[in-house]
Amino acid sequence: MNIEPGCMRSLGGVVMRIHTVFSISLSMIVAGCAIRPLPRDVTRDTTVEIVRKIRCEARRALVDELLRLFERSNFASTKALIP
């Protein structure tokens, strides 16, 4: 199998262009991930207020889920815990 030297050069150029485009695209994607908005840019709440709200929502979701599981339980002692 004989490959002409000019063919290899053009193939190498194509591979190099693909590599360059891929590298630039990847660096743009990674750079986009590094930029994060500050809370004051998105909401009027401070970070402390956001964390407090998340904790309240998580606590409420946990209580709701536990109540749902208690209601579905077949044990009388568990049903007695439901207010």
PDB file of N, CA and C in Angstrom:
ATOM      1  N   MET A   1       0.852  -1.169   0.000  1.00  0.00           N
ATOM      2  CA  MET A   1       0.000   0.000   0.000  1.00  0.00           C
ATOM      3  C   MET A   1       0.896   1.229   0.000  1.00  0.00           C
ATOM      4  N   ASN A   2       0.810   1.978  -1.070  1.00  0.00           N
ATOM      5  CA  ASN A   2       1.628   3.179  -1.205  1.00  0.00           C
ATOM      6  C   ASN A   2       0.772   4.407  -0.964  1.00  0.00           C
ATOM      7  N   ILE A   3       1.213   5.269  -0.069  1.00  0.00           N
ATOM      8  CA  ILE A   3       0.506   6.525   0.209  1.00  0.00           C
ATOM      9  C   ILE A   3       1.378   7.652  -0.291  1.00  0.00           C
ATOM     10  N   GLU A   4       0.789   8.518  -1.063  1.00  0.00           N
ATOM     11  CA  GLU A   4       1.543   9.638  -1.609  1.00  0.00           C
ATOM     12  C   GLU A   4       1.855  10.639  -0.510  1.00  0.00           C
ATOM     13  N   PRO A   5       3.032  11.239  -0.509  1.00  0.00           N
ATOM     14  CA  PRO A   5       3.411  12.195   0.529  1.00  0.00           C
ATOM     15  C   PRO A   5       2.474  13.401   0.603  1.00  0.00           C
ATOM     16  N   GLY A   6       1.985  13.892  -0.492  1.00  0.00           N
ATOM     17  CA  GLY A   6       1.075  15.043  -0.480  1.00  0.00           C
ATOM     18  C   GLY A   6      -0.240  14.722   0.212  1.00  0.00           C
ATOM     19  N   CYS A   7      -0.690  13.480   0.088  1.00  0.00           N
ATOM     20  CA  CYS A   7      -1.938  13.044   0.727  1.00  0.00           C
ATOM     21  C   CYS A   7      -1.788  13.046   2.245  1.00  0.00           C
ATOM     22  N   MET A   8      -0.671  12.612   2.744  1.00  0.00           N
ATOM     23  CA  MET A   8      -0.433  12.585   4.188  1.00  0.00           C
ATOM     24  C   MET A   8      -0.388  13.994   4.764  1.00  0.00           C
ATOM     25  N   ARG A   9       0.201  14.920   4.004  1.00  0.00           N
ATOM     26  CA  ARG A   9       0.256  16.299   4.493  1.00  0.00           C
ATOM     27  C   ARG A   9      -1.136  16.897   4.600  1.00  0.00           C
ATOM     28  N   SER A  10      -1.995  16.644   3.620  1.00  0.00           N
ATOM     29  CA  SER A  10      -3.345  17.202   3.680  1.00  0.00           C
ATOM     30  C   SER A  10      -4.157  16.534   4.787  1.00  0.00           C
ATOM     31  N   LEU A  11      -3.938  15.241   4.994  1.00  0.00           N
ATOM     32  CA  LEU A  11      -4.632  14.549   6.081  1.00  0.00           C
ATOM     33  C   LEU A  11      -4.145  15.073   7.430  1.00  0.00           C
ATOM     34  N   GLY A  12      -2.859  15.301   7.572  1.00  0.00           N
ATOM     35  CA  GLY A  12      -2.318  15.865   8.803  1.00  0.00           C
ATOM     36  C   GLY A  12      -2.866  17.253   9.073  1.00  0.00           C
ATOM     37  N   GLY A  13      -3.066  18.032   8.030  1.00  0.00           N
ATOM     38  CA  GLY A  13      -3.643  19.374   8.185  1.00  0.00           C
ATOM     39  C   GLY A  13      -5.078  19.316   8.671  1.00  0.00           C
ATOM     40  N   VAL A  14      -5.839  18.366   8.148  1.00  0.00           N
ATOM     41  CA  VAL A  14      -7.235  18.206   8.570  1.00  0.00           C
ATOM     42  C   VAL A  14      -7.289  17.798  10.034  1.00  0.00           C
ATOM     43  N   VAL A  15      -6.452  16.858  10.414  1.00  0.00           N
ATOM     44  CA  VAL A  15      -6.423  16.406  11.805  1.00  0.00           C
ATOM     45  C   VAL A  15      -6.010  17.555  12.718  1.00  0.00           C
ATOM     46  N   MET A  16      -5.048  18.345  12.275  1.00  0.00           N
ATOM     47  CA  MET A  16      -4.597  19.482  13.078  1.00  0.00           C
ATOM     48  C   MET A  16      -5.714  20.509  13.242  1.00  0.00           C
ATOM     49  N   ARG A  17      -6.477  20.773  12.179  1.00  0.00           N
ATOM     50  CA  ARG A  17      -7.589  21.726  12.270  1.00  0.00           C
ATOM     51  C   ARG A  17      -8.670  21.206  13.212  1.00  0.00           C
ATOM     52  N   ILE A  18      -8.974  19.924  13.111  1.00  0.00           N
ATOM     53  CA  ILE A  18      -9.981  19.332  13.995  1.00  0.00           C
ATOM     54  C   ILE A  18      -9.513  19.429  15.446  1.00  0.00           C
ATOM     55  N   HIS A  19      -8.250  19.151  15.679  1.00  0.00           N
ATOM     56  CA  HIS A  19      -7.683  19.234  17.024  1.00  0.00           C
ATOM     57  C   HIS A  19      -7.767  20.666  17.545  1.00  0.00           C
ATOM     58  N   THR A  20      -7.467  21.635  16.704  1.00  0.00           N
ATOM     59  CA  THR A  20      -7.514  23.040  17.110  1.00  0.00           C
ATOM     60  C   THR A  20      -8.938  23.465  17.448  1.00  0.00           C
ATOM     61  N   VAL A  21      -9.885  23.118  16.580  1.00  0.00           N
ATOM     62  CA  VAL A  21     -11.289  23.478  16.819  1.00  0.00           C
ATOM     63  C   VAL A  21     -11.791  22.808  18.097  1.00  0.00           C
ATOM     64  N   PHE A  22     -11.451  21.549  18.291  1.00  0.00           N
ATOM     65  CA  PHE A  22     -11.867  20.838  19.498  1.00  0.00           C
ATOM     66  C   PHE A  22     -11.276  21.484  20.742  1.00  0.00           C
ATOM     67  N   SER A  23     -10.001  21.833  20.698  1.00  0.00           N
ATOM     68  CA  SER A  23      -9.341  22.446  21.855  1.00  0.00           C
ATOM     69  C   SER A  23      -9.965  23.791  22.207  1.00  0.00           C
ATOM     70  N   ILE A  24     -10.222  24.610  21.199  1.00  0.00           N
ATOM     71  CA  ILE A  24     -10.839  25.922  21.449  1.00  0.00           C
ATOM     72  C   ILE A  24     -12.243  25.750  22.000  1.00  0.00           C
ATOM     73  N   SER A  25     -13.020  24.827  21.429  1.00  0.00           N
ATOM     74  CA  SER A  25     -14.385  24.595  21.908  1.00  0.00           C
ATOM     75  C   SER A  25     -14.381  24.109  23.353  1.00  0.00           C
ATOM     76  N   LEU A  26     -13.500  23.182  23.664  1.00  0.00           N
ATOM     77  CA  LEU A  26     -13.431  22.653  25.019  1.00  0.00           C
ATOM     78  C   LEU A  26     -13.027  23.739  26.015  1.00  0.00           C
ATOM     79  N   SER A  27     -12.076  24.579  25.632  1.00  0.00           N
ATOM     80  CA  SER A  27     -11.658  25.642  26.553  1.00  0.00           C
ATOM     81  C   SER A  27     -12.772  26.646  26.785  1.00  0.00           C
ATOM     82  N   MET A  28     -13.593  26.920  25.773  1.00  0.00           N
ATOM     83  CA  MET A  28     -14.723  27.838  25.953  1.00  0.00           C
ATOM     84  C   MET A  28     -15.773  27.234  26.870  1.00  0.00           C
ATOM     85  N   ILE A  29     -16.010  25.944  26.730  1.00  0.00           N
ATOM     86  CA  ILE A  29     -16.996  25.273  27.587  1.00  0.00           C
ATOM     87  C   ILE A  29     -16.521  25.274  29.035  1.00  0.00           C
ATOM     88  N   VAL A  30     -15.272  24.931  29.248  1.00  0.00           N
ATOM     89  CA  VAL A  30     -14.729  24.881  30.608  1.00  0.00           C
ATOM     90  C   VAL A  30     -14.703  26.277  31.225  1.00  0.00           C
ATOM     91  N   ALA A  31     -14.369  27.277  30.440  1.00  0.00           N
ATOM     92  CA  ALA A  31     -14.356  28.652  30.956  1.00  0.00           C
ATOM     93  C   ALA A  31     -15.760  29.090  31.345  1.00  0.00           C
ATOM     94  N   GLY A  32     -16.768  28.654  30.608  1.00  0.00           N
ATOM     95  CA  GLY A  32     -18.148  28.983  30.940  1.00  0.00           C
ATOM     96  C   GLY A  32     -18.585  28.372  32.251  1.00  0.00           C
ATOM     97  N   CYS A  33     -18.051  27.212  32.574  1.00  0.00           N
ATOM     98  CA  CYS A  33     -18.395  26.562  33.840  1.00  0.00           C
ATOM     99  C   CYS A  33     -17.744  27.265  35.024  1.00  0.00           C
ATOM    100  N   ALA A  34     -16.659  27.953  34.783  1.00  0.00           N
ATOM    101  CA  ALA A  34     -15.941  28.600  35.877  1.00  0.00           C
ATOM    102  C   ALA A  34     -16.610  29.904  36.306  1.00  0.00           C
ATOM    103  N   ILE A  35     -17.434  30.462  35.444  1.00  0.00           N
ATOM    104  CA  ILE A  35     -18.086  31.724  35.766  1.00  0.00           C
ATOM    105  C   ILE A  35     -19.409  31.404  36.449  1.00  0.00           C
ATOM    106  N   ARG A  36     -19.563  31.867  37.672  1.00  0.00           N
ATOM    107  CA  ARG A  36     -20.808  31.619  38.395  1.00  0.00           C
ATOM    108  C   ARG A  36     -21.419  32.957  38.794  1.00  0.00           C
ATOM    109  N   PRO A  37     -22.721  33.048  38.716  1.00  0.00           N
ATOM    110  CA  PRO A  37     -23.356  34.310  39.098  1.00  0.00           C
ATOM    111  C   PRO A  37     -23.350  34.482  40.613  1.00  0.00           C
ATOM    112  N   LEU A  38     -23.218  35.686  41.051  1.00  0.00           N
ATOM    113  CA  LEU A  38     -23.332  35.995  42.469  1.00  0.00           C
ATOM    114  C   LEU A  38     -24.803  36.064  42.835  1.00  0.00           C
ATOM    115  N   PRO A  39     -25.167  35.699  44.067  1.00  0.00           N
ATOM    116  CA  PRO A  39     -26.579  35.731  44.453  1.00  0.00           C
ATOM    117  C   PRO A  39     -27.221  37.105  44.236  1.00  0.00           C
ATOM    118  N   ARG A  40     -26.495  38.163  44.475  1.00  0.00           N
ATOM    119  CA  ARG A  40     -27.084  39.493  44.322  1.00  0.00           C
ATOM    120  C   ARG A  40     -27.375  39.822  42.858  1.00  0.00           C
ATOM    121  N   ASP A  41     -26.719  39.104  41.924  1.00  0.00           N
ATOM    122  CA  ASP A  41     -26.988  39.307  40.506  1.00  0.00           C
ATOM    123  C   ASP A  41     -28.279  38.612  40.071  1.00  0.00           C
ATOM    124  N   VAL A  42     -28.682  37.595  40.810  1.00  0.00           N
ATOM    125  CA  VAL A  42     -29.835  36.784  40.416  1.00  0.00           C
ATOM    126  C   VAL A  42     -31.062  37.085  41.278  1.00  0.00           C
ATOM    127  N   THR A  43     -30.864  37.191  42.576  1.00  0.00           N
ATOM    128  CA  THR A  43     -31.972  37.452  43.495  1.00  0.00           C
ATOM    129  C   THR A  43     -31.643  38.650  44.365  1.00  0.00           C
ATOM    130  N   ARG A  44     -32.600  39.059  45.143  1.00  0.00           N
ATOM    131  CA  ARG A  44     -32.368  40.160  46.083  1.00  0.00           C
ATOM    132  C   ARG A  44     -31.926  39.633  47.450  1.00  0.00           C
ATOM    133  N   ASP A  45     -31.876  38.304  47.584  1.00  0.00           N
ATOM    134  CA  ASP A  45     -31.528  37.679  48.863  1.00  0.00           C
ATOM    135  C   ASP A  45     -30.015  37.542  49.012  1.00  0.00           C
ATOM    136  N   THR A  46     -29.568  37.569  50.248  1.00  0.00           N
ATOM    137  CA  THR A  46     -28.161  37.301  50.527  1.00  0.00           C
ATOM    138  C   THR A  46     -27.955  35.797  50.561  1.00  0.00           C
ATOM    139  N   THR A  47     -26.707  35.382  50.584  1.00  0.00           N
ATOM    140  CA  THR A  47     -26.398  33.958  50.642  1.00  0.00           C
ATOM    141  C   THR A  47     -26.959  33.334  51.912  1.00  0.00           C
ATOM    142  N   VAL A  48     -26.876  34.043  53.019  1.00  0.00           N
ATOM    143  CA  VAL A  48     -27.390  33.534  54.295  1.00  0.00           C
ATOM    144  C   VAL A  48     -28.897  33.304  54.203  1.00  0.00           C
ATOM    145  N   GLU A  49     -29.622  34.232  53.595  1.00  0.00           N
ATOM    146  CA  GLU A  49     -31.081  34.071  53.451  1.00  0.00           C
ATOM    147  C   GLU A  49     -31.417  32.905  52.529  1.00  0.00           C
ATOM    148  N   ILE A  50     -30.645  32.733  51.468  1.00  0.00           N
ATOM    149  CA  ILE A  50     -30.888  31.621  50.552  1.00  0.00           C
ATOM    150  C   ILE A  50     -30.682  30.291  51.267  1.00  0.00           C
ATOM    151  N   VAL A  51     -29.601  30.183  52.032  1.00  0.00           N
ATOM    152  CA  VAL A  51     -29.328  28.947  52.777  1.00  0.00           C
ATOM    153  C   VAL A  51     -30.431  28.677  53.790  1.00  0.00           C
ATOM    154  N   ARG A  52     -30.906  29.710  54.496  1.00  0.00           N
ATOM    155  CA  ARG A  52     -31.981  29.547  55.471  1.00  0.00           C
ATOM    156  C   ARG A  52     -33.246  29.031  54.788  1.00  0.00           C
ATOM    157  N   LYS A  53     -33.578  29.601  53.631  1.00  0.00           N
ATOM    158  CA  LYS A  53     -34.771  29.156  52.901  1.00  0.00           C
ATOM    159  C   LYS A  53     -34.638  27.713  52.433  1.00  0.00           C
ATOM    160  N   ILE A  54     -33.454  27.346  51.960  1.00  0.00           N
ATOM    161  CA  ILE A  54     -33.235  25.961  51.506  1.00  0.00           C
ATOM    162  C   ILE A  54     -33.385  24.992  52.676  1.00  0.00           C
ATOM    163  N   ARG A  55     -32.832  25.366  53.826  1.00  0.00           N
ATOM    164  CA  ARG A  55     -32.961  24.490  55.002  1.00  0.00           C
ATOM    165  C   ARG A  55     -34.416  24.341  55.429  1.00  0.00           C
ATOM    166  N   CYS A  56     -35.169  25.438  55.411  1.00  0.00           N
ATOM    167  CA  CYS A  56     -36.594  25.365  55.768  1.00  0.00           C
ATOM    168  C   CYS A  56     -37.358  24.477  54.796  1.00  0.00           C
ATOM    169  N   GLU A  57     -37.084  24.637  53.491  1.00  0.00           N
ATOM    170  CA  GLU A  57     -37.777  23.832  52.491  1.00  0.00           C
ATOM    171  C   GLU A  57     -37.407  22.358  52.635  1.00  0.00           C
ATOM    172  N   ALA A  58     -36.134  22.075  52.900  1.00  0.00           N
ATOM    173  CA  ALA A  58     -35.698  20.686  53.069  1.00  0.00           C
ATOM    174  C   ALA A  58     -36.330  20.066  54.309  1.00  0.00           C
ATOM    175  N   ARG A  59     -36.382  20.831  55.400  1.00  0.00           N
ATOM    176  CA  ARG A  59     -36.996  20.342  56.643  1.00  0.00           C
ATOM    177  C   ARG A  59     -38.475  20.051  56.407  1.00  0.00           C
ATOM    178  N   ARG A  60     -39.170  20.954  55.727  1.00  0.00           N
ATOM    179  CA  ARG A  60     -40.601  20.770  55.453  1.00  0.00           C
ATOM    180  C   ARG A  60     -40.832  19.543  54.568  1.00  0.00           C
ATOM    181  N   ALA A  61     -39.974  19.359  53.566  1.00  0.00           N
ATOM    182  CA  ALA A  61     -40.111  18.194  52.685  1.00  0.00           C
ATOM    183  C   ALA A  61     -39.867  16.899  53.453  1.00  0.00           C
ATOM    184  N   LEU A  62     -38.908  16.905  54.354  1.00  0.00           N
ATOM    185  CA  LEU A  62     -38.627  15.720  55.167  1.00  0.00           C
ATOM    186  C   LEU A  62     -39.800  15.389  56.084  1.00  0.00           C
ATOM    187  N   VAL A  63     -40.363  16.400  56.730  1.00  0.00           N
ATOM    188  CA  VAL A  63     -41.520  16.182  57.612  1.00  0.00           C
ATOM    189  C   VAL A  63     -42.703  15.661  56.805  1.00  0.00           C
ATOM    190  N   ASP A  64     -42.956  16.255  55.646  1.00  0.00           N
ATOM    191  CA  ASP A  64     -44.068  15.790  54.803  1.00  0.00           C
ATOM    192  C   ASP A  64     -43.876  14.336  54.382  1.00  0.00           C
ATOM    193  N   GLU A  65     -42.664  13.975  54.010  1.00  0.00           N
ATOM    194  CA  GLU A  65     -42.393  12.608  53.576  1.00  0.00           C
ATOM    195  C   GLU A  65     -42.541  11.628  54.741  1.00  0.00           C
ATOM    196  N   LEU A  66     -42.055  11.996  55.912  1.00  0.00           N
ATOM    197  CA  LEU A  66     -42.210  11.121  57.082  1.00  0.00           C
ATOM    198  C   LEU A  66     -43.680  10.932  57.437  1.00  0.00           C
ATOM    199  N   LEU A  67     -44.456  12.007  57.398  1.00  0.00           N
ATOM    200  CA  LEU A  67     -45.893  11.881  57.671  1.00  0.00           C
ATOM    201  C   LEU A  67     -46.569  10.972  56.657  1.00  0.00           C
ATOM    202  N   ARG A  68     -46.176  11.100  55.397  1.00  0.00           N
ATOM    203  CA  ARG A  68     -46.752  10.246  54.352  1.00  0.00           C
ATOM    204  C   ARG A  68     -46.399   8.780  54.611  1.00  0.00           C
ATOM    205  N   LEU A  69     -45.150   8.528  54.990  1.00  0.00           N
ATOM    206  CA  LEU A  69     -44.744   7.143  55.279  1.00  0.00           C
ATOM    207  C   LEU A  69     -45.449   6.600  56.514  1.00  0.00           C
ATOM    208  N   PHE A  70     -45.618   7.432  57.540  1.00  0.00           N
ATOM    209  CA  PHE A  70     -46.339   6.994  58.738  1.00  0.00           C
ATOM    210  C   PHE A  70     -47.787   6.652  58.399  1.00  0.00           C
ATOM    211  N   GLU A  71     -48.434   7.448  57.560  1.00  0.00           N
ATOM    212  CA  GLU A  71     -49.821   7.192  57.190  1.00  0.00           C
ATOM    213  C   GLU A  71     -49.963   5.876  56.425  1.00  0.00           C
ATOM    214  N   ARG A  72     -48.958   5.518  55.640  1.00  0.00           N
ATOM    215  CA  ARG A  72     -49.009   4.293  54.849  1.00  0.00           C
ATOM    216  C   ARG A  72     -48.594   3.059  55.652  1.00  0.00           C
ATOM    217  N   SER A  73     -48.082   3.254  56.856  1.00  0.00           N
ATOM    218  CA  SER A  73     -47.590   2.145  57.666  1.00  0.00           C
ATOM    219  C   SER A  73     -48.744   1.263  58.153  1.00  0.00           C
ATOM    220  N   ASN A  74     -48.435   0.007  58.343  1.00  0.00           N
ATOM    221  CA  ASN A  74     -49.440  -0.945  58.828  1.00  0.00           C
ATOM    222  C   ASN A  74     -49.334  -1.184  60.331  1.00  0.00           C
ATOM    223  N   PHE A  75     -48.387  -0.526  60.978  1.00  0.00           N
ATOM    224  CA  PHE A  75     -48.183  -0.725  62.398  1.00  0.00           C
ATOM    225  C   PHE A  75     -48.990   0.295  63.210  1.00  0.00           C
ATOM    226  N   ALA A  76     -49.680  -0.181  64.210  1.00  0.00           N
ATOM    227  CA  ALA A  76     -50.515   0.701  65.039  1.00  0.00           C
ATOM    228  C   ALA A  76     -49.671   1.691  65.816  1.00  0.00           C
ATOM    229  N   SER A  77     -48.494   1.254  66.296  1.00  0.00           N
ATOM    230  CA  SER A  77     -47.640   2.146  67.056  1.00  0.00           C
ATOM    231  C   SER A  77     -47.141   3.319  66.196  1.00  0.00           C
ATOM    232  N   THR A  78     -46.933   3.090  64.920  1.00  0.00           N
ATOM    233  CA  THR A  78     -46.514   4.153  64.021  1.00  0.00           C
ATOM    234  C   THR A  78     -47.680   5.091  63.729  1.00  0.00           C
ATOM    235  N   LYS A  79     -48.862   4.543  63.529  1.00  0.00           N
ATOM    236  CA  LYS A  79     -50.041   5.381  63.266  1.00  0.00           C
ATOM    237  C   LYS A  79     -50.383   6.241  64.458  1.00  0.00           C
ATOM    238  N   ALA A  80     -50.021   5.799  65.653  1.00  0.00           N
ATOM    239  CA  ALA A  80     -50.298   6.581  66.853  1.00  0.00           C
ATOM    240  C   ALA A  80     -49.429   7.841  66.913  1.00  0.00           C
ATOM    241  N   LEU A  81     -48.346   7.874  66.179  1.00  0.00           N
ATOM    242  CA  LEU A  81     -47.452   9.040  66.156  1.00  0.00           C
ATOM    243  C   LEU A  81     -47.993  10.195  65.318  1.00  0.00           C
ATOM    244  N   ILE A  82     -48.944   9.898  64.438  1.00  0.00           N
ATOM    245  CA  ILE A  82     -49.488  10.920  63.543  1.00  0.00           C
ATOM    246  C   ILE A  82     -50.401  11.850  64.341  1.00  0.00           C
ATOM    247  N   PRO A  83     -50.181  13.159  64.231  1.00  0.00           N
ATOM    248  CA  PRO A  83     -51.028  14.100  64.991  1.00  0.00           C
ATOM    249  C   PRO A  83     -52.462  14.127  64.498  1.00  0.00           C
TER     250      PRO A  83
END
